[in-house]
Amino acid sequence: MILVDKKHRLKHNKVMPKRVKKNKSIFTPIADNFLKKISTADKRIRRKIFKYGFWIVGIFFIYSLISSTYGIKRIVTLQLEKNTLIDMNRQEFVKLVDGQKIRNLLLHDKEYIEYIARTRYHMVYPGETIYRYQGQ
């Protein structure tokens, strides 16, 4: 609904939105001056600004690659750790398979049990004589 007051101004019954503060940053004058200098400066100054900006961005990029959480050093370290874990996993798998083979031999093969008893525990049948030759 629109109302008209005595001075013929239009008034709205709606709540007016809050004004947004237009406080300018401390760096606003510097940025404005910088943009004016760039736009009115000659090519030599623009090239210098571009060159220094490029170097600053490049140095920051290299620094972030070296020292950040996902930097090159961390990536290389994690890759080496991954390779070590893969090798350890393969070795453990080989031990597991060998253990299963030995278990099956011990459960089902009497000749293997006799071989283990003779070689590891130096067992012999009663009345059996063992001859050992010393190597040269």
Protein backbone atom coordinates (compact mmCIF):
# COMPACT_ATOMS: atom_id res chain seq x y z
CA MET A 1 0.00 0.00 0.00
CA ILE A 2 1.33 3.43 -0.92
CA LEU A 3 0.53 6.57 1.04
CA VAL A 4 0.99 10.20 0.12
CA ASP A 5 2.00 12.68 2.84
CA LYS A 6 1.41 16.41 3.00
CA LYS A 7 4.43 17.28 0.94
CA HIS A 8 3.31 14.96 -1.86
CA ARG A 9 5.97 12.38 -1.24
CA LEU A 10 5.26 8.73 -1.74
CA LYS A 11 5.58 6.51 1.30
CA HIS A 12 5.60 2.75 1.42
CA ASN A 13 4.26 0.71 4.29
CA LYS A 14 6.90 -1.92 3.67
CA VAL A 15 9.88 -2.22 5.95
CA MET A 16 12.89 -0.67 4.31
CA PRO A 17 15.93 -2.89 3.90
CA LYS A 18 18.93 -2.12 6.04
CA ARG A 19 21.63 -0.08 4.48
CA VAL A 20 24.86 -1.86 3.79
CA LYS A 21 27.82 -0.08 5.26
CA LYS A 22 30.04 1.28 2.58
CA ASN A 23 33.16 1.42 4.67
CA LYS A 24 36.10 1.23 2.40
CA SER A 25 39.10 -0.89 3.14
CA ILE A 26 42.39 0.59 4.25
CA PHE A 27 43.90 -0.59 0.99
CA THR A 28 41.25 1.00 -1.26
CA PRO A 29 43.24 4.23 -1.96
CA ILE A 30 46.36 2.21 -2.69
CA ALA A 31 44.48 -0.11 -5.05
CA ASP A 32 42.81 2.82 -6.81
CA ASN A 33 46.14 4.59 -7.27
CA PHE A 34 47.75 1.38 -8.49
CA LEU A 35 45.03 0.78 -11.07
CA LYS A 36 45.27 4.40 -12.25
CA LYS A 37 49.05 4.09 -12.59
CA ILE A 38 48.73 0.92 -14.59
CA SER A 39 46.14 2.34 -16.93
CA THR A 40 48.01 5.59 -17.57
CA ALA A 41 51.59 4.31 -17.35
CA ASP A 42 53.74 3.51 -20.31
CA LYS A 43 54.51 0.00 -21.49
CA ARG A 44 57.82 -0.18 -19.65
CA ILE A 45 56.21 0.21 -16.22
CA ARG A 46 53.44 -2.25 -17.09
CA ARG A 47 56.04 -4.82 -18.18
CA LYS A 48 57.94 -4.33 -14.90
CA ILE A 49 54.78 -4.76 -12.85
CA PHE A 50 53.85 -7.86 -14.84
CA LYS A 51 57.37 -9.28 -14.51
CA TYR A 52 57.56 -8.75 -10.73
CA GLY A 53 54.05 -10.12 -10.29
CA PHE A 54 54.97 -13.19 -12.30
CA TRP A 55 58.08 -13.78 -10.16
CA ILE A 56 56.14 -13.37 -6.91
CA VAL A 57 53.46 -15.81 -8.03
CA GLY A 58 56.13 -18.25 -9.25
CA ILE A 59 58.09 -18.13 -6.00
CA PHE A 60 54.91 -18.63 -3.99
CA PHE A 61 53.95 -21.61 -6.18
CA ILE A 62 57.38 -23.26 -5.77
CA TYR A 63 57.31 -22.62 -2.02
CA SER A 64 53.86 -24.23 -1.76
CA LEU A 65 55.05 -27.26 -3.75
CA ILE A 66 57.99 -27.77 -1.42
CA SER A 67 56.54 -27.06 2.00
CA SER A 68 52.79 -27.61 1.90
CA THR A 69 50.81 -30.60 3.13
CA TYR A 70 50.62 -32.05 -0.37
CA GLY A 71 54.11 -30.95 -1.40
CA ILE A 72 56.58 -32.91 -3.46
CA LYS A 73 58.48 -34.09 -0.38
CA ARG A 74 55.33 -35.59 1.14
CA ILE A 75 54.29 -37.21 -2.14
CA VAL A 76 57.70 -38.86 -2.57
CA THR A 77 57.74 -40.02 1.06
CA LEU A 78 54.27 -41.54 0.74
CA GLN A 79 55.21 -43.25 -2.54
CA LEU A 80 58.30 -44.84 -0.94
CA GLU A 81 56.26 -45.95 2.05
CA LYS A 82 53.64 -47.45 -0.27
CA ASN A 83 56.29 -49.42 -2.18
CA THR A 84 57.78 -50.71 1.10
CA LEU A 85 54.36 -51.84 2.31
CA ILE A 86 53.66 -53.61 -0.99
CA ASP A 87 56.97 -55.52 -0.72
CA MET A 88 56.26 -56.45 2.90
CA ASN A 89 52.78 -57.63 1.91
CA ARG A 90 54.25 -59.87 -0.83
CA GLN A 91 56.76 -61.38 1.62
CA GLU A 92 54.04 -62.11 4.17
CA PHE A 93 51.87 -63.68 1.47
CA VAL A 94 54.76 -65.97 0.44
CA LYS A 95 55.24 -66.98 4.09
CA LEU A 96 51.53 -67.72 4.37
CA VAL A 97 51.50 -69.91 1.26
CA ASP A 98 54.64 -71.76 2.40
CA GLY A 99 53.10 -72.29 5.84
CA GLN A 100 49.97 -73.76 4.27
CA LYS A 101 52.07 -76.15 2.14
CA ILE A 102 54.09 -77.28 5.17
CA ARG A 103 50.90 -77.76 7.20
CA ASN A 104 49.38 -79.95 4.47
CA LEU A 105 52.60 -81.99 4.25
CA LEU A 106 52.68 -82.47 8.02
CA LEU A 107 49.04 -83.56 8.07
CA HIS A 108 49.15 -85.99 5.14
CA ASP A 109 52.74 -86.99 4.19
CA LYS A 110 54.48 -89.51 6.49
CA GLU A 111 57.74 -89.34 4.50
CA TYR A 112 57.98 -85.58 5.12
CA ILE A 113 57.44 -86.13 8.85
CA GLU A 114 60.26 -88.71 8.84
CA TYR A 115 62.51 -86.30 6.91
CA ILE A 116 61.90 -83.55 9.49
CA ALA A 117 62.51 -85.95 12.39
CA ARG A 118 65.83 -87.14 10.91
CA THR A 119 67.21 -83.75 9.77
CA ARG A 120 66.01 -81.34 12.44
CA TYR A 121 65.81 -83.53 15.51
CA HIS A 122 68.48 -86.16 14.57
CA MET A 123 66.18 -89.06 15.34
CA VAL A 124 66.99 -92.64 14.25
CA TYR A 125 65.26 -96.01 14.33
CA PRO A 126 66.37 -98.38 17.13
CA GLY A 127 69.47 -100.32 16.07
CA GLU A 128 70.13 -98.03 13.07
CA THR A 129 73.67 -96.80 12.52
CA ILE A 130 74.30 -93.40 10.94
CA TYR A 131 77.49 -92.69 9.05
CA ARG A 132 78.47 -89.08 8.44
CA TYR A 133 81.16 -87.98 6.11
CA GLN A 134 82.88 -84.68 6.62
CA GLY A 135 83.15 -82.53 3.51
CA GLN A 136 86.50 -81.60 2.02
